[in-house]
Amino acid sequence: MRKVVGTVVLTVMGLGLASTGALARGRQDPQQTRVEQRQARRDRIRARLEQRVQARMARVDRNHDGVISRDEWPGAAKRFDRIDRNGDGVVTADEVVKAMAARRLARRRR
């Protein structure tokens, strides 16, 4: 009898952990509306994009000050000027993310 009870308890606990793991991995909660699901998806995409941008900037940022100056910029000066929206002579991760989002939006409108 003990063995059966123990197996049932472990099975129930395992199912509970499996279901919480599915939610933690980003699967949609059935209680969310479609708008909430879309916003959650956008948030996850933006977070991944920000991580990739941070990683790229870390590789390019030779003096490790957290921004990319024109001297550190590996691309064309014209592109640097387009990304540097506030014109302060350095590109931040936020400016890169916003430039990428604007570029993606422009492609969708074509």
N, C-alpha and C. Protein backbone atom coordinates (compact mmCIF):
# COMPACT_ATOMS: atom_id res chain seq x y z
N MET A 1 0.83 -1.20 0.00
CA MET A 1 0.00 0.00 0.00
C MET A 1 0.87 1.25 0.00
N ARG A 2 1.92 1.27 0.77
CA ARG A 2 2.79 2.44 0.83
C ARG A 2 3.42 2.73 -0.52
N LYS A 3 3.85 1.70 -1.19
CA LYS A 3 4.49 1.86 -2.48
C LYS A 3 3.54 2.51 -3.48
N VAL A 4 2.30 2.10 -3.51
CA VAL A 4 1.30 2.67 -4.42
C VAL A 4 1.04 4.12 -4.08
N VAL A 5 0.87 4.44 -2.81
CA VAL A 5 0.62 5.81 -2.38
C VAL A 5 1.81 6.70 -2.76
N GLY A 6 3.02 6.22 -2.53
CA GLY A 6 4.21 6.98 -2.87
C GLY A 6 4.30 7.24 -4.36
N THR A 7 3.97 6.28 -5.17
CA THR A 7 4.00 6.43 -6.62
C THR A 7 2.97 7.45 -7.07
N VAL A 8 1.79 7.40 -6.49
CA VAL A 8 0.74 8.35 -6.85
C VAL A 8 1.16 9.76 -6.47
N VAL A 9 1.72 9.93 -5.29
CA VAL A 9 2.16 11.26 -4.84
C VAL A 9 3.25 11.79 -5.76
N LEU A 10 4.23 10.96 -6.08
CA LEU A 10 5.31 11.40 -6.96
C LEU A 10 4.80 11.74 -8.35
N THR A 11 3.85 10.96 -8.84
CA THR A 11 3.28 11.23 -10.16
C THR A 11 2.54 12.55 -10.17
N VAL A 12 1.74 12.81 -9.16
CA VAL A 12 1.00 14.07 -9.07
C VAL A 12 1.97 15.23 -8.95
N MET A 13 2.99 15.06 -8.12
CA MET A 13 3.98 16.13 -7.97
C MET A 13 4.71 16.36 -9.29
N GLY A 14 5.03 15.30 -9.99
CA GLY A 14 5.71 15.41 -11.28
C GLY A 14 4.86 16.14 -12.30
N LEU A 15 3.57 15.86 -12.32
CA LEU A 15 2.67 16.56 -13.24
C LEU A 15 2.58 18.03 -12.91
N GLY A 16 2.54 18.33 -11.63
CA GLY A 16 2.48 19.73 -11.21
C GLY A 16 3.73 20.48 -11.63
N LEU A 17 4.89 19.86 -11.45
CA LEU A 17 6.14 20.50 -11.85
C LEU A 17 6.23 20.64 -13.36
N ALA A 18 5.75 19.65 -14.08
CA ALA A 18 5.79 19.71 -15.54
C ALA A 18 4.92 20.84 -16.05
N SER A 19 3.75 21.02 -15.44
CA SER A 19 2.87 22.08 -15.92
C SER A 19 3.44 23.46 -15.60
N THR A 20 4.05 23.64 -14.44
CA THR A 20 4.64 24.94 -14.13
C THR A 20 5.85 25.18 -15.00
N GLY A 21 6.58 24.14 -15.35
CA GLY A 21 7.72 24.29 -16.24
C GLY A 21 7.29 24.73 -17.63
N ALA A 22 6.16 24.23 -18.09
CA ALA A 22 5.66 24.64 -19.41
C ALA A 22 5.33 26.13 -19.41
N LEU A 23 4.74 26.61 -18.34
CA LEU A 23 4.42 28.03 -18.26
C LEU A 23 5.69 28.86 -18.15
N ALA A 24 6.67 28.37 -17.42
CA ALA A 24 7.91 29.11 -17.25
C ALA A 24 8.69 29.21 -18.55
N ARG A 25 8.52 28.22 -19.44
CA ARG A 25 9.23 28.25 -20.72
C ARG A 25 8.58 29.21 -21.70
N GLY A 26 7.49 29.84 -21.36
CA GLY A 26 6.91 30.85 -22.23
C GLY A 26 5.66 30.41 -22.97
N ARG A 27 5.12 29.29 -22.65
CA ARG A 27 3.87 28.91 -23.30
C ARG A 27 2.76 29.80 -22.77
N GLN A 28 1.79 30.05 -23.62
CA GLN A 28 0.72 30.97 -23.25
C GLN A 28 -0.15 30.41 -22.14
N ASP A 29 -0.50 31.32 -21.24
CA ASP A 29 -1.44 31.00 -20.18
C ASP A 29 -2.84 31.06 -20.80
N PRO A 30 -3.67 30.03 -20.63
CA PRO A 30 -5.00 30.05 -21.25
C PRO A 30 -5.88 31.19 -20.76
N GLN A 31 -5.53 31.78 -19.64
CA GLN A 31 -6.33 32.88 -19.10
C GLN A 31 -6.01 34.22 -19.77
N GLN A 32 -4.90 34.29 -20.49
CA GLN A 32 -4.52 35.54 -21.13
C GLN A 32 -5.38 35.79 -22.37
N THR A 33 -5.67 37.05 -22.62
CA THR A 33 -6.38 37.40 -23.84
C THR A 33 -5.38 37.40 -24.99
N ARG A 34 -5.88 37.45 -26.20
CA ARG A 34 -5.00 37.49 -27.36
C ARG A 34 -4.09 38.71 -27.33
N VAL A 35 -4.61 39.83 -26.89
CA VAL A 35 -3.79 41.05 -26.81
C VAL A 35 -2.66 40.86 -25.82
N GLU A 36 -2.96 40.28 -24.67
CA GLU A 36 -1.93 40.02 -23.66
C GLU A 36 -0.89 39.03 -24.17
N GLN A 37 -1.34 38.02 -24.92
CA GLN A 37 -0.42 37.04 -25.48
C GLN A 37 0.51 37.69 -26.50
N ARG A 38 -0.05 38.55 -27.35
CA ARG A 38 0.79 39.25 -28.34
C ARG A 38 1.80 40.15 -27.66
N GLN A 39 1.34 40.86 -26.61
CA GLN A 39 2.26 41.76 -25.90
C GLN A 39 3.36 40.97 -25.20
N ALA A 40 3.00 39.83 -24.61
CA ALA A 40 4.00 38.99 -23.96
C ALA A 40 5.01 38.48 -24.98
N ARG A 41 4.53 38.12 -26.16
CA ARG A 41 5.43 37.65 -27.23
C ARG A 41 6.37 38.78 -27.65
N ARG A 42 5.82 39.98 -27.83
CA ARG A 42 6.65 41.13 -28.20
C ARG A 42 7.71 41.41 -27.14
N ASP A 43 7.32 41.30 -25.88
CA ASP A 43 8.26 41.53 -24.79
C ASP A 43 9.40 40.51 -24.81
N ARG A 44 9.05 39.24 -25.07
CA ARG A 44 10.09 38.21 -25.15
C ARG A 44 11.03 38.45 -26.32
N ILE A 45 10.47 38.84 -27.46
CA ILE A 45 11.29 39.12 -28.65
C ILE A 45 12.21 40.30 -28.38
N ARG A 46 11.67 41.35 -27.78
CA ARG A 46 12.48 42.54 -27.48
C ARG A 46 13.60 42.20 -26.49
N ALA A 47 13.30 41.38 -25.50
CA ALA A 47 14.32 41.00 -24.52
C ALA A 47 15.46 40.23 -25.20
N ARG A 48 15.11 39.30 -26.11
CA ARG A 48 16.14 38.56 -26.84
C ARG A 48 16.96 39.49 -27.73
N LEU A 49 16.29 40.43 -28.37
CA LEU A 49 16.97 41.39 -29.24
C LEU A 49 17.94 42.24 -28.42
N GLU A 50 17.50 42.71 -27.27
CA GLU A 50 18.37 43.52 -26.41
C GLU A 50 19.59 42.73 -25.95
N GLN A 51 19.41 41.46 -25.66
CA GLN A 51 20.54 40.62 -25.26
C GLN A 51 21.54 40.49 -26.40
N ARG A 52 21.04 40.27 -27.62
CA ARG A 52 21.93 40.15 -28.77
C ARG A 52 22.67 41.46 -29.04
N VAL A 53 21.96 42.58 -28.91
CA VAL A 53 22.59 43.88 -29.14
C VAL A 53 23.68 44.13 -28.09
N GLN A 54 23.38 43.81 -26.83
CA GLN A 54 24.37 43.98 -25.77
C GLN A 54 25.62 43.14 -26.04
N ALA A 55 25.42 41.92 -26.49
CA ALA A 55 26.56 41.04 -26.79
C ALA A 55 27.40 41.60 -27.94
N ARG A 56 26.75 42.08 -28.97
CA ARG A 56 27.48 42.67 -30.10
C ARG A 56 28.22 43.93 -29.69
N MET A 57 27.55 44.74 -28.90
CA MET A 57 28.20 45.99 -28.46
C MET A 57 29.41 45.69 -27.58
N ALA A 58 29.32 44.67 -26.77
CA ALA A 58 30.46 44.31 -25.92
C ALA A 58 31.67 43.90 -26.75
N ARG A 59 31.41 43.25 -27.89
CA ARG A 59 32.52 42.86 -28.77
C ARG A 59 33.15 44.06 -29.46
N VAL A 60 32.35 45.06 -29.81
CA VAL A 60 32.84 46.21 -30.56
C VAL A 60 33.40 47.31 -29.65
N ASP A 61 32.90 47.40 -28.44
CA ASP A 61 33.28 48.46 -27.49
C ASP A 61 34.69 48.20 -26.95
N ARG A 62 35.67 48.77 -27.61
CA ARG A 62 37.07 48.51 -27.25
C ARG A 62 37.47 49.10 -25.90
N ASN A 63 36.94 50.28 -25.56
CA ASN A 63 37.34 50.89 -24.29
C ASN A 63 36.38 50.56 -23.14
N HIS A 64 35.39 49.73 -23.40
CA HIS A 64 34.47 49.21 -22.37
C HIS A 64 33.75 50.32 -21.59
N ASP A 65 33.32 51.36 -22.30
CA ASP A 65 32.56 52.42 -21.64
C ASP A 65 31.05 52.26 -21.79
N GLY A 66 30.61 51.20 -22.47
CA GLY A 66 29.19 50.92 -22.59
C GLY A 66 28.51 51.54 -23.79
N VAL A 67 29.24 52.34 -24.57
CA VAL A 67 28.71 52.95 -25.77
C VAL A 67 29.73 52.76 -26.90
N ILE A 68 29.26 52.94 -28.13
CA ILE A 68 30.13 52.80 -29.29
C ILE A 68 30.37 54.19 -29.88
N SER A 69 31.63 54.59 -29.89
CA SER A 69 31.98 55.89 -30.49
C SER A 69 32.21 55.70 -31.98
N ARG A 70 32.33 56.80 -32.69
CA ARG A 70 32.56 56.74 -34.13
C ARG A 70 33.86 56.00 -34.44
N ASP A 71 34.88 56.16 -33.60
CA ASP A 71 36.15 55.47 -33.82
C ASP A 71 36.01 53.95 -33.68
N GLU A 72 35.12 53.52 -32.81
CA GLU A 72 34.93 52.09 -32.58
C GLU A 72 33.97 51.46 -33.60
N TRP A 73 33.20 52.28 -34.28
CA TRP A 73 32.16 51.79 -35.18
C TRP A 73 32.77 51.09 -36.38
N PRO A 74 32.41 49.82 -36.61
CA PRO A 74 33.01 49.08 -37.71
C PRO A 74 32.37 49.33 -39.07
N GLY A 75 31.20 49.96 -39.09
CA GLY A 75 30.47 50.15 -40.34
C GLY A 75 30.66 51.53 -40.95
N ALA A 76 29.77 51.85 -41.87
CA ALA A 76 29.82 53.12 -42.58
C ALA A 76 29.39 54.27 -41.68
N ALA A 77 29.98 55.43 -41.91
CA ALA A 77 29.67 56.62 -41.10
C ALA A 77 28.21 57.04 -41.27
N LYS A 78 27.68 56.86 -42.47
CA LYS A 78 26.29 57.23 -42.73
C LYS A 78 25.34 56.40 -41.85
N ARG A 79 25.63 55.13 -41.72
CA ARG A 79 24.81 54.26 -40.88
C ARG A 79 24.93 54.66 -39.41
N PHE A 80 26.14 55.00 -38.98
CA PHE A 80 26.35 55.46 -37.61
C PHE A 80 25.47 56.68 -37.33
N ASP A 81 25.47 57.63 -38.27
CA ASP A 81 24.68 58.85 -38.09
C ASP A 81 23.19 58.56 -38.02
N ARG A 82 22.73 57.58 -38.79
CA ARG A 82 21.32 57.21 -38.75
C ARG A 82 20.94 56.60 -37.41
N ILE A 83 21.82 55.79 -36.84
CA ILE A 83 21.52 55.13 -35.57
C ILE A 83 21.65 56.10 -34.40
N ASP A 84 22.61 57.01 -34.46
CA ASP A 84 22.84 57.99 -33.39
C ASP A 84 21.77 59.07 -33.47
N ARG A 85 20.61 58.76 -32.93
CA ARG A 85 19.45 59.65 -33.08
C ARG A 85 19.60 61.00 -32.38
N ASN A 86 20.26 61.02 -31.23
CA ASN A 86 20.36 62.28 -30.51
C ASN A 86 21.60 63.07 -30.91
N GLY A 87 22.43 62.52 -31.78
CA GLY A 87 23.57 63.25 -32.32
C GLY A 87 24.67 63.54 -31.32
N ASP A 88 24.81 62.73 -30.29
CA ASP A 88 25.84 62.99 -29.29
C ASP A 88 27.19 62.35 -29.62
N GLY A 89 27.28 61.68 -30.78
CA GLY A 89 28.55 61.11 -31.21
C GLY A 89 28.83 59.71 -30.70
N VAL A 90 27.89 59.14 -29.96
CA VAL A 90 28.02 57.76 -29.50
C VAL A 90 26.70 57.03 -29.73
N VAL A 91 26.80 55.73 -29.90
CA VAL A 91 25.62 54.89 -30.11
C VAL A 91 25.44 54.02 -28.87
N THR A 92 24.24 54.05 -28.31
CA THR A 92 23.91 53.23 -27.16
C THR A 92 23.13 52.00 -27.62
N ALA A 93 23.01 51.03 -26.75
CA ALA A 93 22.24 49.82 -27.08
C ALA A 93 20.79 50.16 -27.36
N ASP A 94 20.24 51.11 -26.62
CA ASP A 94 18.85 51.51 -26.82
C ASP A 94 18.66 52.12 -28.21
N GLU A 95 19.63 52.92 -28.66
CA GLU A 95 19.53 53.51 -29.99
C GLU A 95 19.60 52.44 -31.07
N VAL A 96 20.41 51.43 -30.87
CA VAL A 96 20.51 50.34 -31.83
C VAL A 96 19.19 49.57 -31.90
N VAL A 97 18.62 49.26 -30.75
CA VAL A 97 17.35 48.53 -30.71
C VAL A 97 16.26 49.34 -31.40
N LYS A 98 16.19 50.63 -31.13
CA LYS A 98 15.17 51.48 -31.76
C LYS A 98 15.38 51.57 -33.27
N ALA A 99 16.62 51.65 -33.70
CA ALA A 99 16.91 51.72 -35.13
C ALA A 99 16.51 50.41 -35.81
N MET A 100 16.77 49.29 -35.16
CA MET A 100 16.39 48.00 -35.73
C MET A 100 14.87 47.87 -35.82
N ALA A 101 14.17 48.34 -34.80
CA ALA A 101 12.71 48.28 -34.81
C ALA A 101 12.14 49.18 -35.91
N ALA A 102 12.71 50.36 -36.07
CA ALA A 102 12.25 51.28 -37.12
C ALA A 102 12.50 50.68 -38.51
N ARG A 103 13.64 50.04 -38.66
CA ARG A 103 13.96 49.42 -39.94
C ARG A 103 13.00 48.28 -40.24
N ARG A 104 12.70 47.48 -39.24
CA ARG A 104 11.76 46.37 -39.41
C ARG A 104 10.37 46.90 -39.77
N LEU A 105 9.94 47.96 -39.12
CA LEU A 105 8.64 48.55 -39.40
C LEU A 105 8.59 49.09 -40.83
N ALA A 106 9.66 49.73 -41.26
CA ALA A 106 9.71 50.26 -42.62
C ALA A 106 9.62 49.14 -43.65
N ARG A 107 10.27 48.00 -43.38
CA ARG A 107 10.19 46.86 -44.30
C ARG A 107 8.78 46.30 -44.38
N ARG A 108 8.08 46.29 -43.26
CA ARG A 108 6.71 45.77 -43.26
C ARG A 108 5.77 46.67 -44.05
N ARG A 109 6.03 47.95 -44.07
CA ARG A 109 5.14 48.90 -44.76
C ARG A 109 5.33 48.87 -46.28
N ARG A 110 6.40 48.29 -46.75
CA ARG A 110 6.65 48.25 -48.20
C ARG A 110 5.71 47.36 -48.91
